[in-house]
Amino acid sequence: MTTMQIDCFLVVAETLNFAAAADRLHVTQPAVTQQIHSLEKELNVKLFKRTTRTVKLTPEGHIFLNDAKSIQHIVGHAKKRFEEPASREFVLFSIGCRSQNELTLLPGILQKMLAHYPALHPVFQIVPFQHLHQLLKEDSVDVILDFQKDLQRKSYGTYKELMKIKPVCILPVNSPLSQRAGLSIDDLRKEKVILFNPQIAPDSFNPIQRIILDQKSMTDIYMQDSPAACITLAKAGFGITVLPDLNLPRDPDLVYLPFTGVEPLSFGAYYNTTTGNPVLKLFLQLCRKQFTP
């Protein structure tokens, strides 16, 4: 469907005359006829009932009339927007991440970037982890925020660590273990656990989950596909969940205890190059400044 087809349809619908429509559009009458036929073929309906003397809209034509007007308005609005010089000064900056949690880290950083680039237009791409690094490979994003991948698995671009993320144990406030200063692997031996699906969880977190799973029966394990699902079951009393504490929201009905005896996880930015991309360079500088203790 083209804008020419839409224009021809609307002018013919207004004039109910192919010759008059051709004059107004400054094209030949056969050209208008061809555009209408092509549009009807694409929509698989007849839009006009045409005789040697009259032209009328069909019921389908009346239905399509509002759609055509909307399309023409949207196209015209878009053209007008990009005719303005300011619209060509957009500074697009695309950030890829695997969940909403990463976004909560960014308001302060983006606020500072806006002071440097008043025309900054951030775009967030929140995609399943399987496709996250493909965005970088295809140059569809400037930067990806993610946990460091397993070094044995192929990743794209350069990785720059921004901070360390500690795993946290989440359990109901009325749990017998809730008054502890922290929990260890040994503390979880006899507890039911809610874990993050290892096919979705960050690579670096899976070794920790494997230690937790060791010698546990299937009846003591609840495997979930998102941190939110894990936390929901923990709050409902199904067991204890252990998750990377990446700005996890705090719930007054839960306690969040350090998971002791394990190393924190590396979280950072993947990018292709900062060369010729001063916005990305500024973003990385601000991230390091904000997240470095």
C-alpha atoms as a PDB file:
ATOM      1  CA  MET A   1       0.000   0.000   0.000  1.00  0.00           C
ATOM      2  CA  THR A   2       1.472   3.331  -1.072  1.00  0.00           C
ATOM      3  CA  THR A   3       0.721   6.947  -0.251  1.00  0.00           C
ATOM      4  CA  MET A   4      -0.171   7.497  -3.910  1.00  0.00           C
ATOM      5  CA  GLN A   5      -2.838   4.804  -3.678  1.00  0.00           C
ATOM      6  CA  ILE A   6      -4.262   6.425  -0.553  1.00  0.00           C
ATOM      7  CA  ASP A   7      -4.231   9.894  -2.140  1.00  0.00           C
ATOM      8  CA  CYS A   8      -5.982   8.623  -5.263  1.00  0.00           C
ATOM      9  CA  PHE A   9      -8.613   6.813  -3.223  1.00  0.00           C
ATOM     10  CA  LEU A  10      -9.396   9.851  -1.063  1.00  0.00           C
ATOM     11  CA  VAL A  11      -9.638  12.286  -3.982  1.00  0.00           C
ATOM     12  CA  VAL A  12     -11.854   9.928  -6.001  1.00  0.00           C
ATOM     13  CA  ALA A  13     -13.999   9.344  -2.885  1.00  0.00           C
ATOM     14  CA  GLU A  14     -14.392  13.116  -2.529  1.00  0.00           C
ATOM     15  CA  THR A  15     -15.027  13.993  -6.189  1.00  0.00           C
ATOM     16  CA  LEU A  16     -16.663  10.718  -7.279  1.00  0.00           C
ATOM     17  CA  ASN A  17     -15.038  11.433 -10.617  1.00  0.00           C
ATOM     18  CA  PHE A  18     -11.857   9.810 -11.936  1.00  0.00           C
ATOM     19  CA  ALA A  19     -11.147  12.619 -14.423  1.00  0.00           C
ATOM     20  CA  ALA A  20     -11.512  15.325 -11.770  1.00  0.00           C
ATOM     21  CA  ALA A  21      -9.315  13.317  -9.413  1.00  0.00           C
ATOM     22  CA  ALA A  22      -6.624  13.028 -12.100  1.00  0.00           C
ATOM     23  CA  ASP A  23      -6.679  16.799 -12.658  1.00  0.00           C
ATOM     24  CA  ARG A  24      -6.333  17.525  -8.957  1.00  0.00           C
ATOM     25  CA  LEU A  25      -3.496  15.040  -8.545  1.00  0.00           C
ATOM     26  CA  HIS A  26      -1.768  16.210 -11.753  1.00  0.00           C
ATOM     27  CA  VAL A  27      -1.646  12.706 -13.222  1.00  0.00           C
ATOM     28  CA  THR A  28      -3.465  10.949 -16.041  1.00  0.00           C
ATOM     29  CA  GLN A  29      -6.840   9.308 -15.566  1.00  0.00           C
ATOM     30  CA  PRO A  30      -5.455   5.821 -16.412  1.00  0.00           C
ATOM     31  CA  ALA A  31      -2.845   6.345 -13.681  1.00  0.00           C
ATOM     32  CA  VAL A  32      -5.575   7.012 -11.123  1.00  0.00           C
ATOM     33  CA  THR A  33      -7.501   3.957 -12.324  1.00  0.00           C
ATOM     34  CA  GLN A  34      -4.387   1.796 -12.002  1.00  0.00           C
ATOM     35  CA  GLN A  35      -3.721   3.013  -8.455  1.00  0.00           C
ATOM     36  CA  ILE A  36      -7.292   2.234  -7.404  1.00  0.00           C
ATOM     37  CA  HIS A  37      -7.187  -1.223  -8.996  1.00  0.00           C
ATOM     38  CA  SER A  38      -3.886  -1.993  -7.248  1.00  0.00           C
ATOM     39  CA  LEU A  39      -5.324  -0.891  -3.913  1.00  0.00           C
ATOM     40  CA  GLU A  40      -8.465  -2.983  -4.407  1.00  0.00           C
ATOM     41  CA  LYS A  41      -6.350  -5.992  -5.306  1.00  0.00           C
ATOM     42  CA  GLU A  42      -4.237  -5.565  -2.179  1.00  0.00           C
ATOM     43  CA  LEU A  43      -7.295  -5.190   0.054  1.00  0.00           C
ATOM     44  CA  ASN A  44      -9.185  -7.900  -1.847  1.00  0.00           C
ATOM     45  CA  VAL A  45     -12.348  -5.743  -2.002  1.00  0.00           C
ATOM     46  CA  LYS A  46     -14.064  -3.380  -4.424  1.00  0.00           C
ATOM     47  CA  LEU A  47     -13.903   0.194  -3.168  1.00  0.00           C
ATOM     48  CA  PHE A  48     -15.942   1.868  -5.919  1.00  0.00           C
ATOM     49  CA  LYS A  49     -18.971   0.912  -7.955  1.00  0.00           C
ATOM     50  CA  ARG A  50     -18.314   2.490 -11.348  1.00  0.00           C
ATOM     51  CA  THR A  51     -20.618   2.835 -14.362  1.00  0.00           C
ATOM     52  CA  THR A  52     -20.259   4.904 -17.530  1.00  0.00           C
ATOM     53  CA  ARG A  53     -21.997   7.798 -15.781  1.00  0.00           C
ATOM     54  CA  THR A  54     -21.479   7.471 -12.036  1.00  0.00           C
ATOM     55  CA  VAL A  55     -18.917   6.542  -9.431  1.00  0.00           C
ATOM     56  CA  LYS A  56     -20.037   5.496  -5.942  1.00  0.00           C
ATOM     57  CA  LEU A  57     -18.297   4.153  -2.887  1.00  0.00           C
ATOM     58  CA  THR A  58     -19.133   0.559  -2.075  1.00  0.00           C
ATOM     59  CA  PRO A  59     -19.917  -0.386   1.562  1.00  0.00           C
ATOM     60  CA  GLU A  60     -16.317  -1.588   1.822  1.00  0.00           C
ATOM     61  CA  GLY A  61     -15.179   1.755   0.416  1.00  0.00           C
ATOM     62  CA  HIS A  62     -17.081   3.619   3.118  1.00  0.00           C
ATOM     63  CA  ILE A  63     -15.469   1.425   5.782  1.00  0.00           C
ATOM     64  CA  PHE A  64     -11.982   2.015   4.362  1.00  0.00           C
ATOM     65  CA  LEU A  65     -12.510   5.781   4.101  1.00  0.00           C
ATOM     66  CA  ASN A  66     -11.705   6.501   7.756  1.00  0.00           C
ATOM     67  CA  ASP A  67      -8.676   4.206   7.643  1.00  0.00           C
ATOM     68  CA  ALA A  68      -7.379   5.983   4.556  1.00  0.00           C
ATOM     69  CA  LYS A  69      -7.812   9.390   6.181  1.00  0.00           C
ATOM     70  CA  SER A  70      -5.923   8.168   9.246  1.00  0.00           C
ATOM     71  CA  ILE A  71      -3.093   6.808   7.109  1.00  0.00           C
ATOM     72  CA  GLN A  72      -2.829  10.064   5.174  1.00  0.00           C
ATOM     73  CA  HIS A  73      -2.777  12.061   8.411  1.00  0.00           C
ATOM     74  CA  ILE A  74      -0.044   9.898   9.969  1.00  0.00           C
ATOM     75  CA  VAL A  75       2.125  10.052   6.854  1.00  0.00           C
ATOM     76  CA  GLY A  76       1.656  13.809   6.537  1.00  0.00           C
ATOM     77  CA  HIS A  77       2.464  14.327  10.204  1.00  0.00           C
ATOM     78  CA  ALA A  78       5.637  12.239   9.904  1.00  0.00           C
ATOM     79  CA  LYS A  79       6.797  14.149   6.828  1.00  0.00           C
ATOM     80  CA  LYS A  80       6.177  17.482   8.517  1.00  0.00           C
ATOM     81  CA  ARG A  81       8.044  16.392  11.622  1.00  0.00           C
ATOM     82  CA  PHE A  82      11.167  15.452   9.704  1.00  0.00           C
ATOM     83  CA  GLU A  83      11.028  18.560   7.534  1.00  0.00           C
ATOM     84  CA  GLU A  84      11.876  20.540  10.668  1.00  0.00           C
ATOM     85  CA  PRO A  85      15.646  21.039  11.108  1.00  0.00           C
ATOM     86  CA  ALA A  86      15.479  20.160  14.808  1.00  0.00           C
ATOM     87  CA  SER A  87      14.213  16.671  13.990  1.00  0.00           C
ATOM     88  CA  ARG A  88      17.466  15.893  12.220  1.00  0.00           C
ATOM     89  CA  GLU A  89      19.419  16.709  15.380  1.00  0.00           C
ATOM     90  CA  PHE A  90      18.153  13.705  17.356  1.00  0.00           C
ATOM     91  CA  VAL A  91      20.890  11.979  19.301  1.00  0.00           C
ATOM     92  CA  LEU A  92      19.640   8.407  19.403  1.00  0.00           C
ATOM     93  CA  PHE A  93      21.165   6.136  22.023  1.00  0.00           C
ATOM     94  CA  SER A  94      19.975   2.539  22.215  1.00  0.00           C
ATOM     95  CA  ILE A  95      20.411   0.394  25.333  1.00  0.00           C
ATOM     96  CA  GLY A  96      19.725  -3.343  25.405  1.00  0.00           C
ATOM     97  CA  CYS A  97      18.954  -5.284  28.579  1.00  0.00           C
ATOM     98  CA  ARG A  98      17.227  -8.458  29.689  1.00  0.00           C
ATOM     99  CA  SER A  99      14.771  -7.073  32.280  1.00  0.00           C
ATOM    100  CA  GLN A 100      13.161  -3.976  33.765  1.00  0.00           C
ATOM    101  CA  ASN A 101      15.531  -4.078  36.750  1.00  0.00           C
ATOM    102  CA  GLU A 102      18.422  -2.705  34.714  1.00  0.00           C
ATOM    103  CA  LEU A 103      16.377   0.375  33.839  1.00  0.00           C
ATOM    104  CA  THR A 104      16.104   1.354  37.499  1.00  0.00           C
ATOM    105  CA  LEU A 105      19.878   1.912  37.519  1.00  0.00           C
ATOM    106  CA  LEU A 106      19.800   4.551  34.809  1.00  0.00           C
ATOM    107  CA  PRO A 107      17.725   7.680  35.653  1.00  0.00           C
ATOM    108  CA  GLY A 108      20.615   9.568  37.273  1.00  0.00           C
ATOM    109  CA  ILE A 109      23.008   8.658  34.469  1.00  0.00           C
ATOM    110  CA  LEU A 110      20.564   9.650  31.736  1.00  0.00           C
ATOM    111  CA  GLN A 111      19.820  12.918  33.521  1.00  0.00           C
ATOM    112  CA  LYS A 112      23.506  13.842  33.380  1.00  0.00           C
ATOM    113  CA  MET A 113      23.702  12.778  29.725  1.00  0.00           C
ATOM    114  CA  LEU A 114      20.742  15.011  28.901  1.00  0.00           C
ATOM    115  CA  ALA A 115      22.670  17.987  30.275  1.00  0.00           C
ATOM    116  CA  HIS A 116      25.433  17.263  27.734  1.00  0.00           C
ATOM    117  CA  TYR A 117      23.101  16.313  24.869  1.00  0.00           C
ATOM    118  CA  PRO A 118      19.756  18.194  25.052  1.00  0.00           C
ATOM    119  CA  ALA A 119      18.538  16.350  21.922  1.00  0.00           C
ATOM    120  CA  LEU A 120      19.269  12.921  23.456  1.00  0.00           C
ATOM    121  CA  HIS A 121      16.645  10.283  22.659  1.00  0.00           C
ATOM    122  CA  PRO A 122      17.287   7.071  24.616  1.00  0.00           C
ATOM    123  CA  VAL A 123      15.717   3.890  23.253  1.00  0.00           C
ATOM    124  CA  PHE A 124      15.454   0.784  25.433  1.00  0.00           C
ATOM    125  CA  GLN A 125      15.313  -2.697  23.967  1.00  0.00           C
ATOM    126  CA  ILE A 126      14.275  -5.251  26.579  1.00  0.00           C
ATOM    127  CA  VAL A 127      14.575  -8.651  24.955  1.00  0.00           C
ATOM    128  CA  PRO A 128      14.930 -12.300  26.051  1.00  0.00           C
ATOM    129  CA  PHE A 129      18.486 -13.144  27.008  1.00  0.00           C
ATOM    130  CA  GLN A 130      18.848 -15.486  23.997  1.00  0.00           C
ATOM    131  CA  HIS A 131      18.585 -12.523  21.621  1.00  0.00           C
ATOM    132  CA  LEU A 132      20.287  -9.846  23.704  1.00  0.00           C
ATOM    133  CA  HIS A 133      23.813 -10.213  22.333  1.00  0.00           C
ATOM    134  CA  GLN A 134      22.485 -10.648  18.800  1.00  0.00           C
ATOM    135  CA  LEU A 135      21.409  -6.995  18.992  1.00  0.00           C
ATOM    136  CA  LEU A 136      25.023  -6.007  19.514  1.00  0.00           C
ATOM    137  CA  LYS A 137      26.226  -8.251  16.712  1.00  0.00           C
ATOM    138  CA  GLU A 138      23.755  -6.572  14.348  1.00  0.00           C
ATOM    139  CA  ASP A 139      24.640  -3.052  15.585  1.00  0.00           C
ATOM    140  CA  SER A 140      21.024  -2.612  16.688  1.00  0.00           C
ATOM    141  CA  VAL A 141      22.103  -1.161  20.039  1.00  0.00           C
ATOM    142  CA  ASP A 142      24.915   1.049  21.278  1.00  0.00           C
ATOM    143  CA  VAL A 143      25.397  -0.888  24.484  1.00  0.00           C
ATOM    144  CA  ILE A 144      24.104  -3.922  26.372  1.00  0.00           C
ATOM    145  CA  LEU A 145      23.839  -4.087  30.147  1.00  0.00           C
ATOM    146  CA  ASP A 146      24.266  -7.655  31.357  1.00  0.00           C
ATOM    147  CA  PHE A 147      26.111 -10.007  33.649  1.00  0.00           C
ATOM    148  CA  GLN A 148      29.445 -11.202  32.343  1.00  0.00           C
ATOM    149  CA  LYS A 149      28.965 -14.236  30.138  1.00  0.00           C
ATOM    150  CA  ASP A 150      30.772 -17.517  30.628  1.00  0.00           C
ATOM    151  CA  LEU A 151      34.176 -17.022  29.009  1.00  0.00           C
ATOM    152  CA  GLN A 152      33.748 -20.347  27.190  1.00  0.00           C
ATOM    153  CA  ARG A 153      30.606 -19.091  25.470  1.00  0.00           C
ATOM    154  CA  LYS A 154      30.913 -16.762  22.512  1.00  0.00           C
ATOM    155  CA  SER A 155      29.990 -13.147  23.111  1.00  0.00           C
ATOM    156  CA  TYR A 156      30.218 -10.060  20.935  1.00  0.00           C
ATOM    157  CA  GLY A 157      31.979  -6.803  21.581  1.00  0.00           C
ATOM    158  CA  THR A 158      34.031  -5.567  24.498  1.00  0.00           C
ATOM    159  CA  TYR A 159      33.003  -6.168  28.101  1.00  0.00           C
ATOM    160  CA  LYS A 160      33.547  -3.462  30.731  1.00  0.00           C
ATOM    161  CA  GLU A 161      32.712  -4.319  34.331  1.00  0.00           C
ATOM    162  CA  LEU A 162      30.643  -1.653  36.066  1.00  0.00           C
ATOM    163  CA  MET A 163      29.937  -3.258  39.438  1.00  0.00           C
ATOM    164  CA  LYS A 164      29.796  -6.434  41.491  1.00  0.00           C
ATOM    165  CA  ILE A 165      26.388  -7.914  42.284  1.00  0.00           C
ATOM    166  CA  LYS A 166      25.989 -10.008  45.430  1.00  0.00           C
ATOM    167  CA  PRO A 167      23.496 -12.895  45.565  1.00  0.00           C
ATOM    168  CA  VAL A 168      20.782 -12.437  48.169  1.00  0.00           C
ATOM    169  CA  CYS A 169      18.502 -14.911  49.971  1.00  0.00           C
ATOM    170  CA  ILE A 170      14.848 -13.850  50.020  1.00  0.00           C
ATOM    171  CA  LEU A 171      12.414 -15.359  52.518  1.00  0.00           C
ATOM    172  CA  PRO A 172       9.243 -14.416  54.433  1.00  0.00           C
ATOM    173  CA  VAL A 173       9.585 -12.263  57.550  1.00  0.00           C
ATOM    174  CA  ASN A 174       8.007 -15.045  59.634  1.00  0.00           C
ATOM    175  CA  SER A 175      10.588 -17.640  58.564  1.00  0.00           C
ATOM    176  CA  PRO A 176      12.643 -19.149  61.426  1.00  0.00           C
ATOM    177  CA  LEU A 177      15.757 -18.058  59.500  1.00  0.00           C
ATOM    178  CA  SER A 178      14.689 -14.448  59.015  1.00  0.00           C
ATOM    179  CA  GLN A 179      16.643 -13.165  62.033  1.00  0.00           C
ATOM    180  CA  ARG A 180      19.984 -14.425  60.755  1.00  0.00           C
ATOM    181  CA  ALA A 181      22.629 -11.960  59.622  1.00  0.00           C
ATOM    182  CA  GLY A 182      23.130 -14.041  56.482  1.00  0.00           C
ATOM    183  CA  LEU A 183      22.608 -17.530  55.077  1.00  0.00           C
ATOM    184  CA  SER A 184      25.114 -20.028  53.726  1.00  0.00           C
ATOM    185  CA  ILE A 185      24.915 -23.153  51.599  1.00  0.00           C
ATOM    186  CA  ASP A 186      24.730 -25.215  54.788  1.00  0.00           C
ATOM    187  CA  ASP A 187      21.743 -23.184  55.999  1.00  0.00           C
ATOM    188  CA  LEU A 188      19.842 -24.119  52.843  1.00  0.00           C
ATOM    189  CA  ARG A 189      20.551 -27.862  52.999  1.00  0.00           C
ATOM    190  CA  LYS A 190      17.233 -28.706  54.640  1.00  0.00           C
ATOM    191  CA  GLU A 191      15.199 -25.903  53.083  1.00  0.00           C
ATOM    192  CA  LYS A 192      12.988 -25.915  50.035  1.00  0.00           C
ATOM    193  CA  VAL A 193      14.408 -23.577  47.417  1.00  0.00           C
ATOM    194  CA  ILE A 194      13.038 -21.545  44.523  1.00  0.00           C
ATOM    195  CA  LEU A 195      15.579 -21.159  41.749  1.00  0.00           C
ATOM    196  CA  PHE A 196      15.920 -19.244  38.498  1.00  0.00           C
ATOM    197  CA  ASN A 197      15.685 -21.418  35.373  1.00  0.00           C
ATOM    198  CA  PRO A 198      19.367 -22.061  34.484  1.00  0.00           C
ATOM    199  CA  GLN A 199      18.592 -21.703  30.779  1.00  0.00           C
ATOM    200  CA  ILE A 200      17.545 -18.105  31.434  1.00  0.00           C
ATOM    201  CA  ALA A 201      19.637 -17.132  34.460  1.00  0.00           C
ATOM    202  CA  PRO A 202      22.968 -15.327  33.966  1.00  0.00           C
ATOM    203  CA  ASP A 203      25.813 -17.713  33.128  1.00  0.00           C
ATOM    204  CA  SER A 204      27.845 -16.628  36.130  1.00  0.00           C
ATOM    205  CA  PHE A 205      24.965 -17.335  38.524  1.00  0.00           C
ATOM    206  CA  ASN A 206      24.417 -20.947  37.487  1.00  0.00           C
ATOM    207  CA  PRO A 207      27.440 -22.402  39.363  1.00  0.00           C
ATOM    208  CA  ILE A 208      25.940 -20.967  42.566  1.00  0.00           C
ATOM    209  CA  GLN A 209      22.595 -22.571  41.773  1.00  0.00           C
ATOM    210  CA  ARG A 210      24.263 -25.917  41.103  1.00  0.00           C
ATOM    211  CA  ILE A 211      25.803 -25.833  44.580  1.00  0.00           C
ATOM    212  CA  ILE A 212      22.384 -25.095  46.087  1.00  0.00           C
ATOM    213  CA  LEU A 213      20.825 -27.969  44.130  1.00  0.00           C
ATOM    214  CA  ASP A 214      23.420 -30.483  45.260  1.00  0.00           C
ATOM    215  CA  GLN A 215      21.814 -33.441  47.071  1.00  0.00           C
ATOM    216  CA  LYS A 216      18.322 -31.926  46.947  1.00  0.00           C
ATOM    217  CA  SER A 217      15.319 -33.973  45.854  1.00  0.00           C
ATOM    218  CA  MET A 218      12.990 -32.687  43.141  1.00  0.00           C
ATOM    219  CA  THR A 219      10.210 -32.189  45.700  1.00  0.00           C
ATOM    220  CA  ASP A 220      12.345 -29.533  47.410  1.00  0.00           C
ATOM    221  CA  ILE A 221      12.969 -27.506  44.248  1.00  0.00           C
ATOM    222  CA  TYR A 222      10.765 -24.975  42.460  1.00  0.00           C
ATOM    223  CA  MET A 223      12.238 -23.798  39.155  1.00  0.00           C
ATOM    224  CA  GLN A 224      10.893 -20.506  37.777  1.00  0.00           C
ATOM    225  CA  ASP A 225      11.443 -18.442  34.616  1.00  0.00           C
ATOM    226  CA  SER A 226      11.783 -14.994  36.181  1.00  0.00           C
ATOM    227  CA  PRO A 227      13.016 -13.323  39.373  1.00  0.00           C
ATOM    228  CA  ALA A 228       9.490 -11.981  39.943  1.00  0.00           C
ATOM    229  CA  ALA A 229       8.085 -15.521  39.901  1.00  0.00           C
ATOM    230  CA  CYS A 230      10.781 -16.692  42.329  1.00  0.00           C
ATOM    231  CA  ILE A 231       9.992 -13.845  44.724  1.00  0.00           C
ATOM    232  CA  THR A 232       6.242 -14.518  44.488  1.00  0.00           C
ATOM    233  CA  LEU A 233       6.697 -18.131  45.613  1.00  0.00           C
ATOM    234  CA  ALA A 234       9.072 -17.088  48.384  1.00  0.00           C
ATOM    235  CA  LYS A 235       6.497 -14.608  49.682  1.00  0.00           C
ATOM    236  CA  ALA A 236       3.836 -17.324  49.528  1.00  0.00           C
ATOM    237  CA  GLY A 237       5.968 -19.531  51.774  1.00  0.00           C
ATOM    238  CA  PHE A 238       7.056 -22.176  49.280  1.00  0.00           C
ATOM    239  CA  GLY A 239      10.707 -21.795  50.211  1.00  0.00           C
ATOM    240  CA  ILE A 240      13.770 -19.567  49.997  1.00  0.00           C
ATOM    241  CA  THR A 241      14.904 -18.010  46.748  1.00  0.00           C
ATOM    242  CA  VAL A 242      18.440 -16.889  45.959  1.00  0.00           C
ATOM    243  CA  LEU A 243      18.873 -14.214  43.290  1.00  0.00           C
ATOM    244  CA  PRO A 244      21.461 -11.691  42.110  1.00  0.00           C
ATOM    245  CA  ASP A 245      20.579  -8.488  43.950  1.00  0.00           C
ATOM    246  CA  LEU A 246      20.433  -6.244  40.901  1.00  0.00           C
ATOM    247  CA  ASN A 247      18.297  -3.450  42.354  1.00  0.00           C
ATOM    248  CA  LEU A 248      15.628  -5.941  43.387  1.00  0.00           C
ATOM    249  CA  PRO A 249      12.546  -4.164  44.790  1.00  0.00           C
ATOM    250  CA  ARG A 250      12.127  -4.489  48.569  1.00  0.00           C
ATOM    251  CA  ASP A 251       8.913  -5.946  49.985  1.00  0.00           C
ATOM    252  CA  PRO A 252       8.111  -5.361  53.683  1.00  0.00           C
ATOM    253  CA  ASP A 253       6.749  -8.911  53.948  1.00  0.00           C
ATOM    254  CA  LEU A 254      10.133 -10.362  52.964  1.00  0.00           C
ATOM    255  CA  VAL A 255      13.657 -10.258  54.335  1.00  0.00           C
ATOM    256  CA  TYR A 256      16.753 -10.035  52.165  1.00  0.00           C
ATOM    257  CA  LEU A 257      19.808 -11.724  53.662  1.00  0.00           C
ATOM    258  CA  PRO A 258      23.332 -11.904  52.239  1.00  0.00           C
ATOM    259  CA  PHE A 259      24.219 -15.274  50.747  1.00  0.00           C
ATOM    260  CA  THR A 260      27.580 -15.931  52.342  1.00  0.00           C
ATOM    261  CA  GLY A 261      30.473 -18.002  51.076  1.00  0.00           C
ATOM    262  CA  VAL A 262      30.030 -17.188  47.373  1.00  0.00           C
ATOM    263  CA  GLU A 263      31.711 -14.663  45.112  1.00  0.00           C
ATOM    264  CA  PRO A 264      29.766 -11.652  43.788  1.00  0.00           C
ATOM    265  CA  LEU A 265      28.860 -11.574  40.100  1.00  0.00           C
ATOM    266  CA  SER A 266      30.349  -9.221  37.535  1.00  0.00           C
ATOM    267  CA  PHE A 267      27.814  -6.898  35.912  1.00  0.00           C
ATOM    268  CA  GLY A 268      28.715  -4.478  33.181  1.00  0.00           C
ATOM    269  CA  ALA A 269      28.423  -3.202  29.648  1.00  0.00           C
ATOM    270  CA  TYR A 270      29.023  -4.894  26.310  1.00  0.00           C
ATOM    271  CA  TYR A 271      29.688  -2.630  23.339  1.00  0.00           C
ATOM    272  CA  ASN A 272      31.389  -2.761  19.961  1.00  0.00           C
ATOM    273  CA  THR A 273      33.517   0.393  20.036  1.00  0.00           C
ATOM    274  CA  THR A 274      33.525   3.859  21.543  1.00  0.00           C
ATOM    275  CA  THR A 275      35.374   5.253  18.529  1.00  0.00           C
ATOM    276  CA  GLY A 276      33.167   7.836  16.846  1.00  0.00           C
ATOM    277  CA  ASN A 277      30.512   7.424  19.539  1.00  0.00           C
ATOM    278  CA  PRO A 278      31.020  10.162  22.157  1.00  0.00           C
ATOM    279  CA  VAL A 279      27.571   9.495  23.635  1.00  0.00           C
ATOM    280  CA  LEU A 280      28.515   5.900  24.452  1.00  0.00           C
ATOM    281  CA  LYS A 281      31.844   7.056  25.865  1.00  0.00           C
ATOM    282  CA  LEU A 282      30.036   9.487  28.172  1.00  0.00           C
ATOM    283  CA  PHE A 283      27.542   6.797  29.197  1.00  0.00           C
ATOM    284  CA  LEU A 284      30.332   4.418  30.226  1.00  0.00           C
ATOM    285  CA  GLN A 285      32.160   7.151  32.130  1.00  0.00           C
ATOM    286  CA  LEU A 286      29.028   8.073  34.070  1.00  0.00           C
ATOM    287  CA  CYS A 287      28.251   4.414  34.794  1.00  0.00           C
ATOM    288  CA  ARG A 288      31.715   3.813  36.203  1.00  0.00           C
ATOM    289  CA  LYS A 289      31.473   6.959  38.315  1.00  0.00           C
ATOM    290  CA  GLN A 290      28.062   6.019  39.722  1.00  0.00           C
ATOM    291  CA  PHE A 291      28.678   2.328  40.349  1.00  0.00           C
ATOM    292  CA  THR A 292      32.290   2.337  41.515  1.00  0.00           C
ATOM    293  CA  PRO A 293      32.408   2.317  45.339  1.00  0.00           C
END
